[in-house]
Amino acid sequence: FLGSRLLFFLRHDNQRFFETQLELVRRISKAQQIEFAKVPWPECT
């Protein structure tokens, strides 16, 4: 987005991988605050 806002989407298959990628973003961005939320895909069995 114009200005400071940046949004991206990450696909993961386990919580540890997600937390590792999130920590990587914190380190390379040096952002004071990072927010995240799930994309609401329907259940699929």
All heavy atoms as atom14 arrays in JSON, in Angstrom:
{
  "sequence": "FLGSRLLFFLRHDNQRFFETQLELVRRISKAQQIEFAKVPWPECT",
  "atom14_mask": [
    [1, 1, 1, 1, 1, 1, 1, 1, 1, 1, 1, 0, 0, 0],
    [1, 1, 1, 1, 1, 1, 1, 1, 0, 0, 0, 0, 0, 0],
    [1, 1, 1, 1, 0, 0, 0, 0, 0, 0, 0, 0, 0, 0],
    [1, 1, 1, 1, 1, 1, 0, 0, 0, 0, 0, 0, 0, 0],
    [1, 1, 1, 1, 1, 1, 1, 1, 1, 1, 1, 0, 0, 0],
    [1, 1, 1, 1, 1, 1, 1, 1, 0, 0, 0, 0, 0, 0],
    [1, 1, 1, 1, 1, 1, 1, 1, 0, 0, 0, 0, 0, 0],
    [1, 1, 1, 1, 1, 1, 1, 1, 1, 1, 1, 0, 0, 0],
    [1, 1, 1, 1, 1, 1, 1, 1, 1, 1, 1, 0, 0, 0],
    [1, 1, 1, 1, 1, 1, 1, 1, 0, 0, 0, 0, 0, 0],
    [1, 1, 1, 1, 1, 1, 1, 1, 1, 1, 1, 0, 0, 0],
    [1, 1, 1, 1, 1, 1, 1, 1, 1, 1, 0, 0, 0, 0],
    [1, 1, 1, 1, 1, 1, 1, 1, 0, 0, 0, 0, 0, 0],
    [1, 1, 1, 1, 1, 1, 1, 1, 0, 0, 0, 0, 0, 0],
    [1, 1, 1, 1, 1, 1, 1, 1, 1, 0, 0, 0, 0, 0],
    [1, 1, 1, 1, 1, 1, 1, 1, 1, 1, 1, 0, 0, 0],
    [1, 1, 1, 1, 1, 1, 1, 1, 1, 1, 1, 0, 0, 0],
    [1, 1, 1, 1, 1, 1, 1, 1, 1, 1, 1, 0, 0, 0],
    [1, 1, 1, 1, 1, 1, 1, 1, 1, 0, 0, 0, 0, 0],
    [1, 1, 1, 1, 1, 1, 1, 0, 0, 0, 0, 0, 0, 0],
    [1, 1, 1, 1, 1, 1, 1, 1, 1, 0, 0, 0, 0, 0],
    [1, 1, 1, 1, 1, 1, 1, 1, 0, 0, 0, 0, 0, 0],
    [1, 1, 1, 1, 1, 1, 1, 1, 1, 0, 0, 0, 0, 0],
    [1, 1, 1, 1, 1, 1, 1, 1, 0, 0, 0, 0, 0, 0],
    [1, 1, 1, 1, 1, 1, 1, 0, 0, 0, 0, 0, 0, 0],
    [1, 1, 1, 1, 1, 1, 1, 1, 1, 1, 1, 0, 0, 0],
    [1, 1, 1, 1, 1, 1, 1, 1, 1, 1, 1, 0, 0, 0],
    [1, 1, 1, 1, 1, 1, 1, 1, 0, 0, 0, 0, 0, 0],
    [1, 1, 1, 1, 1, 1, 0, 0, 0, 0, 0, 0, 0, 0],
    [1, 1, 1, 1, 1, 1, 1, 1, 1, 0, 0, 0, 0, 0],
    [1, 1, 1, 1, 1, 0, 0, 0, 0, 0, 0, 0, 0, 0],
    [1, 1, 1, 1, 1, 1, 1, 1, 1, 0, 0, 0, 0, 0],
    [1, 1, 1, 1, 1, 1, 1, 1, 1, 0, 0, 0, 0, 0],
    [1, 1, 1, 1, 1, 1, 1, 1, 0, 0, 0, 0, 0, 0],
    [1, 1, 1, 1, 1, 1, 1, 1, 1, 0, 0, 0, 0, 0],
    [1, 1, 1, 1, 1, 1, 1, 1, 1, 1, 1, 0, 0, 0],
    [1, 1, 1, 1, 1, 0, 0, 0, 0, 0, 0, 0, 0, 0],
    [1, 1, 1, 1, 1, 1, 1, 1, 1, 0, 0, 0, 0, 0],
    [1, 1, 1, 1, 1, 1, 1, 0, 0, 0, 0, 0, 0, 0],
    [1, 1, 1, 1, 1, 1, 1, 0, 0, 0, 0, 0, 0, 0],
    [1, 1, 1, 1, 1, 1, 1, 1, 1, 1, 1, 1, 1, 1],
    [1, 1, 1, 1, 1, 1, 1, 0, 0, 0, 0, 0, 0, 0],
    [1, 1, 1, 1, 1, 1, 1, 1, 1, 0, 0, 0, 0, 0],
    [1, 1, 1, 1, 1, 1, 0, 0, 0, 0, 0, 0, 0, 0],
    [1, 1, 1, 1, 1, 1, 1, 0, 0, 0, 0, 0, 0, 0]
  ],
  "atom14_positions": [
    [[0.84, -1.19, 0.0], [0.0, 0.0, 0.0], [0.88, 1.25, 0.0], [2.03, 1.22, 0.45], [-0.91, 0.02, 1.23], [-1.89, -1.12, 1.28], [-1.66, -2.23, 2.08], [-3.06, -1.09, 0.52], [-2.56, -3.28, 2.13], [-3.96, -2.15, 0.56], [-3.72, -3.24, 1.38], [0.0, 0.0, 0.0], [0.0, 0.0, 0.0], [0.0, 0.0, 0.0]],
    [[0.32, 2.35, -0.49], [1.03, 3.62, -0.41], [1.28, 3.96, 1.06], [0.43, 3.74, 1.92], [0.2, 4.74, -1.06], [0.09, 4.7, -2.59], [-0.88, 5.78, -3.07], [1.46, 4.91, -3.24], [0.0, 0.0, 0.0], [0.0, 0.0, 0.0], [0.0, 0.0, 0.0], [0.0, 0.0, 0.0], [0.0, 0.0, 0.0], [0.0, 0.0, 0.0]],
    [[2.46, 4.49, 1.34], [2.8, 4.77, 2.72], [3.49, 3.6, 3.37], [4.25, 2.87, 2.73], [0.0, 0.0, 0.0], [0.0, 0.0, 0.0], [0.0, 0.0, 0.0], [0.0, 0.0, 0.0], [0.0, 0.0, 0.0], [0.0, 0.0, 0.0], [0.0, 0.0, 0.0], [0.0, 0.0, 0.0], [0.0, 0.0, 0.0], [0.0, 0.0, 0.0]],
    [[3.19, 3.37, 4.64], [3.95, 2.39, 5.42], [3.32, 0.99, 5.47], [4.0, 0.02, 5.81], [4.12, 2.9, 6.86], [2.85, 3.06, 7.48], [0.0, 0.0, 0.0], [0.0, 0.0, 0.0], [0.0, 0.0, 0.0], [0.0, 0.0, 0.0], [0.0, 0.0, 0.0], [0.0, 0.0, 0.0], [0.0, 0.0, 0.0], [0.0, 0.0, 0.0]],
    [[2.04, 0.84, 5.12], [1.35, -0.43, 5.33], [1.77, -1.49, 4.3], [1.84, -1.23, 3.1], [-0.16, -0.22, 5.28], [-1.02, -1.47, 5.49], [-0.72, -2.2, 6.8], [-0.88, -1.4, 7.97], [-1.95, -1.39, 8.75], [-2.98, -2.16, 8.45], [-2.0, -0.64, 9.82], [0.0, 0.0, 0.0], [0.0, 0.0, 0.0], [0.0, 0.0, 0.0]],
    [[2.02, -2.71, 4.82], [2.38, -3.85, 4.0], [1.59, -5.05, 4.5], [1.52, -5.3, 5.7], [3.87, -4.13, 4.09], [4.43, -5.27, 3.22], [4.28, -4.94, 1.74], [5.9, -5.52, 3.56], [0.0, 0.0, 0.0], [0.0, 0.0, 0.0], [0.0, 0.0, 0.0], [0.0, 0.0, 0.0], [0.0, 0.0, 0.0], [0.0, 0.0, 0.0]],
    [[1.0, -5.81, 3.58], [0.2, -6.98, 3.92], [0.67, -8.14, 3.04], [0.84, -7.98, 1.84], [-1.29, -6.7, 3.66], [-2.26, -7.88, 3.66], [-2.44, -8.44, 5.06], [-3.61, -7.45, 3.09], [0.0, 0.0, 0.0], [0.0, 0.0, 0.0], [0.0, 0.0, 0.0], [0.0, 0.0, 0.0], [0.0, 0.0, 0.0], [0.0, 0.0, 0.0]],
    [[0.88, -9.32, 3.64], [1.21, -10.47, 2.83], [0.56, -11.72, 3.41], [0.13, -11.74, 4.57], [2.73, -10.65, 2.66], [3.49, -10.95, 3.91], [3.78, -12.25, 4.27], [3.94, -9.93, 4.74], [4.49, -12.55, 5.43], [4.65, -10.2, 5.89], [4.94, -11.51, 6.23], [0.0, 0.0, 0.0], [0.0, 0.0, 0.0], [0.0, 0.0, 0.0]],
    [[0.5, -12.77, 2.58], [-0.19, -14.0, 2.95], [0.8, -15.16, 2.97], [1.56, -15.35, 2.02], [-1.33, -14.28, 1.98], [-2.41, -13.23, 2.04], [-2.32, -12.09, 1.26], [-3.5, -13.39, 2.87], [-3.3, -11.12, 1.31], [-4.48, -12.42, 2.94], [-4.38, -11.28, 2.15], [0.0, 0.0, 0.0], [0.0, 0.0, 0.0], [0.0, 0.0, 0.0]],
    [[0.73, -15.92, 4.05], [1.66, -17.02, 4.27], [0.86, -18.31, 4.45], [-0.08, -18.37, 5.24], [2.5, -16.75, 5.53], [3.41, -17.87, 6.01], [4.61, -18.01, 5.09], [3.87, -17.61, 7.45], [0.0, 0.0, 0.0], [0.0, 0.0, 0.0], [0.0, 0.0, 0.0], [0.0, 0.0, 0.0], [0.0, 0.0, 0.0], [0.0, 0.0, 0.0]],
    [[1.26, -19.35, 3.72], [0.65, -20.67, 3.89], [1.58, -21.55, 4.72], [2.77, -21.61, 4.45], [0.37, -21.32, 2.54], [-0.18, -22.74, 2.64], [-0.87, -23.17, 1.37], [-2.11, -22.43, 1.15], [-3.1, -22.84, 0.35], [-2.98, -23.97, -0.31], [-4.21, -22.13, 0.21], [0.0, 0.0, 0.0], [0.0, 0.0, 0.0], [0.0, 0.0, 0.0]],
    [[1.03, -22.19, 5.76], [1.87, -23.05, 6.6], [1.13, -24.33, 6.93], [-0.1, -24.4, 6.84], [2.26, -22.31, 7.9], [1.13, -22.12, 8.86], [0.79, -23.06, 9.8], [0.26, -21.09, 9.02], [-0.24, -22.62, 10.51], [-0.59, -21.43, 10.05], [0.0, 0.0, 0.0], [0.0, 0.0, 0.0], [0.0, 0.0, 0.0], [0.0, 0.0, 0.0]],
    [[1.88, -25.36, 7.31], [1.26, -26.64, 7.65], [1.48, -27.05, 9.1], [1.05, -28.12, 9.51], [1.77, -27.74, 6.72], [3.28, -27.87, 6.74], [3.92, -27.15, 7.53], [3.82, -28.68, 5.98], [0.0, 0.0, 0.0], [0.0, 0.0, 0.0], [0.0, 0.0, 0.0], [0.0, 0.0, 0.0], [0.0, 0.0, 0.0], [0.0, 0.0, 0.0]],
    [[2.14, -26.18, 9.88], [2.25, -26.45, 11.32], [2.61, -25.16, 12.04], [3.19, -24.23, 11.46], [3.28, -27.56, 11.62], [4.68, -27.17, 11.21], [5.33, -26.36, 11.87], [5.18, -27.73, 10.1], [0.0, 0.0, 0.0], [0.0, 0.0, 0.0], [0.0, 0.0, 0.0], [0.0, 0.0, 0.0], [0.0, 0.0, 0.0], [0.0, 0.0, 0.0]],
    [[2.26, -25.11, 13.31], [2.42, -23.89, 14.1], [3.89, -23.49, 14.25], [4.23, -22.3, 14.25], [1.79, -24.08, 15.49], [1.72, -22.83, 16.33], [0.83, -21.76, 15.74], [-0.05, -22.06, 14.94], [1.03, -20.52, 16.14], [0.0, 0.0, 0.0], [0.0, 0.0, 0.0], [0.0, 0.0, 0.0], [0.0, 0.0, 0.0], [0.0, 0.0, 0.0]],
    [[4.77, -24.47, 14.35], [6.19, -24.14, 14.52], [6.74, -23.42, 13.3], [7.51, -22.45, 13.44], [6.98, -25.43, 14.79], [8.46, -25.17, 15.03], [9.18, -26.45, 15.39], [10.61, -26.2, 15.61], [11.49, -27.14, 15.91], [11.1, -28.4, 16.04], [12.75, -26.83, 16.11], [0.0, 0.0, 0.0], [0.0, 0.0, 0.0], [0.0, 0.0, 0.0]],
    [[6.36, -23.9, 12.1], [6.82, -23.24, 10.89], [6.3, -21.8, 10.85], [7.05, -20.86, 10.51], [6.32, -24.0, 9.66], [6.62, -23.33, 8.35], [7.88, -23.45, 7.77], [5.66, -22.56, 7.71], [8.16, -22.81, 6.56], [5.93, -21.93, 6.5], [7.19, -22.05, 5.93], [0.0, 0.0, 0.0], [0.0, 0.0, 0.0], [0.0, 0.0, 0.0]],
    [[5.02, -21.6, 11.19], [4.46, -20.26, 11.2], [5.2, -19.35, 12.16], [5.55, -18.21, 11.82], [2.97, -20.32, 11.56], [2.38, -18.98, 11.89], [2.29, -17.99, 10.92], [1.94, -18.7, 13.17], [1.76, -16.75, 11.22], [1.4, -17.46, 13.49], [1.31, -16.48, 12.51], [0.0, 0.0, 0.0], [0.0, 0.0, 0.0], [0.0, 0.0, 0.0]],
    [[5.45, -19.83, 13.38], [6.13, -19.0, 14.38], [7.55, -18.65, 13.94], [8.03, -17.55, 14.19], [6.13, -19.72, 15.73], [4.74, -19.83, 16.35], [4.72, -20.67, 17.61], [5.78, -21.26, 17.94], [3.66, -20.76, 18.25], [0.0, 0.0, 0.0], [0.0, 0.0, 0.0], [0.0, 0.0, 0.0], [0.0, 0.0, 0.0], [0.0, 0.0, 0.0]],
    [[8.21, -19.59, 13.28], [9.57, -19.34, 12.78], [9.56, -18.24, 11.71], [10.4, -17.33, 11.72], [10.18, -20.62, 12.19], [10.26, -21.6, 13.22], [11.56, -20.36, 11.64], [0.0, 0.0, 0.0], [0.0, 0.0, 0.0], [0.0, 0.0, 0.0], [0.0, 0.0, 0.0], [0.0, 0.0, 0.0], [0.0, 0.0, 0.0], [0.0, 0.0, 0.0]],
    [[8.6, -18.34, 10.78], [8.5, -17.33, 9.72], [8.12, -15.96, 10.28], [8.62, -14.93, 9.83], [7.48, -17.77, 8.66], [7.85, -19.05, 7.92], [9.14, -18.9, 7.13], [10.23, -18.92, 7.69], [9.01, -18.76, 5.83], [0.0, 0.0, 0.0], [0.0, 0.0, 0.0], [0.0, 0.0, 0.0], [0.0, 0.0, 0.0], [0.0, 0.0, 0.0]],
    [[7.25, -15.96, 11.28], [6.85, -14.71, 11.91], [8.03, -14.05, 12.6], [8.22, -12.83, 12.52], [5.71, -14.97, 12.9], [5.0, -13.74, 13.45], [4.31, -12.97, 12.33], [3.97, -14.16, 14.51], [0.0, 0.0, 0.0], [0.0, 0.0, 0.0], [0.0, 0.0, 0.0], [0.0, 0.0, 0.0], [0.0, 0.0, 0.0], [0.0, 0.0, 0.0]],
    [[8.84, -14.84, 13.29], [10.02, -14.3, 13.95], [11.01, -13.76, 12.93], [11.67, -12.73, 13.16], [10.68, -15.39, 14.8], [11.94, -14.95, 15.54], [11.72, -13.79, 16.49], [10.58, -13.62, 16.99], [12.69, -13.03, 16.73], [0.0, 0.0, 0.0], [0.0, 0.0, 0.0], [0.0, 0.0, 0.0], [0.0, 0.0, 0.0], [0.0, 0.0, 0.0]],
    [[11.11, -14.43, 11.79], [11.99, -13.95, 10.72], [11.54, -12.58, 10.23], [12.36, -11.68, 10.03], [11.99, -14.95, 9.57], [12.82, -14.58, 8.34], [14.29, -14.39, 8.71], [12.67, -15.65, 7.26], [0.0, 0.0, 0.0], [0.0, 0.0, 0.0], [0.0, 0.0, 0.0], [0.0, 0.0, 0.0], [0.0, 0.0, 0.0], [0.0, 0.0, 0.0]],
    [[10.24, -12.41, 10.07], [9.7, -11.11, 9.64], [10.02, -10.03, 10.68], [10.39, -8.91, 10.34], [8.19, -11.19, 9.4], [7.62, -9.81, 9.08], [7.89, -12.15, 8.27], [0.0, 0.0, 0.0], [0.0, 0.0, 0.0], [0.0, 0.0, 0.0], [0.0, 0.0, 0.0], [0.0, 0.0, 0.0], [0.0, 0.0, 0.0], [0.0, 0.0, 0.0]],
    [[9.87, -10.38, 11.95], [10.19, -9.41, 13.01], [11.64, -8.95, 12.92], [11.95, -7.76, 13.07], [9.93, -10.03, 14.38], [8.48, -10.2, 14.75], [8.32, -10.48, 16.24], [6.91, -10.57, 16.62], [6.25, -11.72, 16.78], [6.89, -12.86, 16.62], [4.97, -11.72, 17.1], [0.0, 0.0, 0.0], [0.0, 0.0, 0.0], [0.0, 0.0, 0.0]],
    [[12.53, -9.88, 12.67], [13.95, -9.54, 12.64], [14.33, -8.71, 11.42], [15.1, -7.74, 11.54], [14.8, -10.82, 12.69], [14.67, -11.57, 14.0], [15.59, -12.78, 14.06], [15.42, -13.53, 15.3], [16.19, -14.56, 15.64], [17.15, -14.98, 14.83], [15.98, -15.19, 16.79], [0.0, 0.0, 0.0], [0.0, 0.0, 0.0], [0.0, 0.0, 0.0]],
    [[13.82, -9.09, 10.25], [14.24, -8.38, 9.05], [13.5, -7.05, 8.88], [14.02, -6.13, 8.23], [14.06, -9.24, 7.78], [12.59, -9.6, 7.55], [14.92, -10.49, 7.87], [12.36, -10.42, 6.29], [0.0, 0.0, 0.0], [0.0, 0.0, 0.0], [0.0, 0.0, 0.0], [0.0, 0.0, 0.0], [0.0, 0.0, 0.0], [0.0, 0.0, 0.0]],
    [[12.31, -6.93, 9.47], [11.54, -5.69, 9.32], [11.84, -4.67, 10.42], [11.72, -3.47, 10.21], [10.04, -5.99, 9.33], [9.61, -6.41, 10.62], [0.0, 0.0, 0.0], [0.0, 0.0, 0.0], [0.0, 0.0, 0.0], [0.0, 0.0, 0.0], [0.0, 0.0, 0.0], [0.0, 0.0, 0.0], [0.0, 0.0, 0.0], [0.0, 0.0, 0.0]],
    [[12.22, -5.2, 11.6], [12.42, -4.35, 12.78], [11.17, -3.53, 13.09], [11.24, -2.43, 13.65], [13.63, -3.43, 12.6], [14.94, -4.18, 12.43], [16.11, -3.22, 12.28], [17.45, -3.95, 12.26], [17.54, -4.95, 11.17], [0.0, 0.0, 0.0], [0.0, 0.0, 0.0], [0.0, 0.0, 0.0], [0.0, 0.0, 0.0], [0.0, 0.0, 0.0]],
    [[10.0, -4.06, 12.7], [8.74, -3.37, 12.95], [8.38, -3.43, 14.43], [8.62, -4.45, 15.09], [7.62, -3.99, 12.12], [0.0, 0.0, 0.0], [0.0, 0.0, 0.0], [0.0, 0.0, 0.0], [0.0, 0.0, 0.0], [0.0, 0.0, 0.0], [0.0, 0.0, 0.0], [0.0, 0.0, 0.0], [0.0, 0.0, 0.0], [0.0, 0.0, 0.0]],
    [[7.82, -2.37, 14.94], [7.44, -2.33, 16.34], [6.24, -3.23, 16.64], [6.11, -3.79, 17.72], [7.12, -0.89, 16.76], [8.33, 0.03, 16.73], [8.01, 1.41, 17.24], [6.85, 1.78, 17.41], [9.04, 2.21, 17.48], [0.0, 0.0, 0.0], [0.0, 0.0, 0.0], [0.0, 0.0, 0.0], [0.0, 0.0, 0.0], [0.0, 0.0, 0.0]],
    [[5.37, -3.38, 15.66], [4.18, -4.2, 15.86], [3.85, -4.95, 14.58], [3.85, -4.37, 13.49], [2.98, -3.33, 16.27], [1.74, -4.14, 16.58], [0.6, -3.25, 17.08], [0.72, -2.03, 17.13], [-0.51, -3.87, 17.46], [0.0, 0.0, 0.0], [0.0, 0.0, 0.0], [0.0, 0.0, 0.0], [0.0, 0.0, 0.0], [0.0, 0.0, 0.0]],
    [[3.59, -6.25, 14.71], [3.16, -7.08, 13.6], [1.87, -7.78, 14.0], [1.77, -8.36, 15.08], [4.23, -8.15, 13.25], [5.53, -7.47, 12.8], [3.72, -9.07, 12.15], [6.66, -8.44, 12.51], [0.0, 0.0, 0.0], [0.0, 0.0, 0.0], [0.0, 0.0, 0.0], [0.0, 0.0, 0.0], [0.0, 0.0, 0.0], [0.0, 0.0, 0.0]],
    [[0.87, -7.66, 13.15], [-0.42, -8.29, 13.43], [-0.68, -9.4, 12.43], [-0.17, -9.37, 11.31], [-1.54, -7.25, 13.39], [-1.39, -6.16, 14.45], [-2.61, -5.27, 14.52], [-3.63, -5.7, 15.1], [-2.53, -4.15, 13.97], [0.0, 0.0, 0.0], [0.0, 0.0, 0.0], [0.0, 0.0, 0.0], [0.0, 0.0, 0.0], [0.0, 0.0, 0.0]],
    [[-1.49, -10.36, 12.83], [-1.79, -11.47, 11.94], [-3.15, -12.07, 12.28], [-3.65, -11.92, 13.4], [-0.7, -12.55, 12.01], [-0.42, -13.05, 13.4], [-1.09, -14.14, 13.92], [0.54, -12.42, 14.2], [-0.83, -14.6, 15.19], [0.82, -12.88, 15.48], [0.13, -13.97, 15.98], [0.0, 0.0, 0.0], [0.0, 0.0, 0.0], [0.0, 0.0, 0.0]],
    [[-3.75, -12.72, 11.29], [-5.05, -13.36, 11.48], [-5.22, -14.43, 10.41], [-4.59, -14.39, 9.36], [-6.18, -12.34, 11.4], [0.0, 0.0, 0.0], [0.0, 0.0, 0.0], [0.0, 0.0, 0.0], [0.0, 0.0, 0.0], [0.0, 0.0, 0.0], [0.0, 0.0, 0.0], [0.0, 0.0, 0.0], [0.0, 0.0, 0.0], [0.0, 0.0, 0.0]],
    [[-6.1, -15.4, 10.68], [-6.31, -16.51, 9.75], [-7.26, -16.11, 8.62], [-8.21, -15.35, 8.81], [-6.92, -17.71, 10.49], [-5.96, -18.41, 11.44], [-6.64, -19.62, 12.06], [-5.71, -20.33, 13.04], [-6.38, -21.51, 13.65], [0.0, 0.0, 0.0], [0.0, 0.0, 0.0], [0.0, 0.0, 0.0], [0.0, 0.0, 0.0], [0.0, 0.0, 0.0]],
    [[-6.99, -16.66, 7.45], [-7.92, -16.55, 6.33], [-8.97, -17.64, 6.5], [-8.63, -18.81, 6.68], [-7.17, -16.72, 4.99], [-8.16, -16.66, 3.82], [-6.09, -15.64, 4.84], [0.0, 0.0, 0.0], [0.0, 0.0, 0.0], [0.0, 0.0, 0.0], [0.0, 0.0, 0.0], [0.0, 0.0, 0.0], [0.0, 0.0, 0.0], [0.0, 0.0, 0.0]],
    [[-10.26, -17.3, 6.45], [-11.32, -18.27, 6.81], [-11.73, -19.2, 5.68], [-12.84, -19.13, 5.15], [-12.48, -17.36, 7.22], [-12.31, -16.16, 6.34], [-10.81, -15.95, 6.22], [0.0, 0.0, 0.0], [0.0, 0.0, 0.0], [0.0, 0.0, 0.0], [0.0, 0.0, 0.0], [0.0, 0.0, 0.0], [0.0, 0.0, 0.0], [0.0, 0.0, 0.0]],
    [[-10.86, -20.13, 5.32], [-11.25, -21.14, 4.35], [-12.25, -22.1, 4.98], [-12.19, -22.36, 6.19], [-10.02, -21.93, 3.9], [-9.04, -21.14, 3.1], [-7.85, -20.64, 3.52], [-9.17, -20.74, 1.73], [-7.23, -19.96, 2.5], [-8.02, -20.01, 1.39], [-10.16, -20.95, 0.75], [-7.83, -19.48, 0.12], [-9.96, -20.42, -0.5], [-8.8, -19.7, -0.81]],
    [[-13.17, -22.66, 4.19], [-14.13, -23.61, 4.76], [-13.45, -24.92, 5.16], [-12.36, -25.23, 4.69], [-15.12, -23.85, 3.6], [-14.33, -23.54, 2.37], [-13.38, -22.43, 2.76], [0.0, 0.0, 0.0], [0.0, 0.0, 0.0], [0.0, 0.0, 0.0], [0.0, 0.0, 0.0], [0.0, 0.0, 0.0], [0.0, 0.0, 0.0], [0.0, 0.0, 0.0]],
    [[-14.11, -25.67, 6.02], [-13.6, -26.98, 6.39], [-13.55, -27.88, 5.16], [-14.4, -27.78, 4.27], [-14.48, -27.61, 7.47], [-14.38, -26.92, 8.82], [-12.96, -26.88, 9.35], [-12.26, -27.93, 9.28], [-12.52, -25.82, 9.83], [0.0, 0.0, 0.0], [0.0, 0.0, 0.0], [0.0, 0.0, 0.0], [0.0, 0.0, 0.0], [0.0, 0.0, 0.0]],
    [[-12.57, -28.75, 5.12], [-12.4, -29.63, 3.96], [-11.87, -30.97, 4.43], [-10.75, -31.06, 4.94], [-11.43, -28.99, 2.96], [-11.18, -29.94, 1.47], [0.0, 0.0, 0.0], [0.0, 0.0, 0.0], [0.0, 0.0, 0.0], [0.0, 0.0, 0.0], [0.0, 0.0, 0.0], [0.0, 0.0, 0.0], [0.0, 0.0, 0.0], [0.0, 0.0, 0.0]],
    [[-12.68, -32.01, 4.26], [-12.31, -33.33, 4.78], [-12.22, -34.39, 3.68], [-12.07, -35.57, 3.98], [-13.33, -33.8, 5.84], [-14.64, -33.84, 5.24], [-13.35, -32.85, 7.03], [0.0, 0.0, 0.0], [0.0, 0.0, 0.0], [0.0, 0.0, 0.0], [0.0, 0.0, 0.0], [0.0, 0.0, 0.0], [0.0, 0.0, 0.0], [0.0, 0.0, 0.0]]
  ]
}
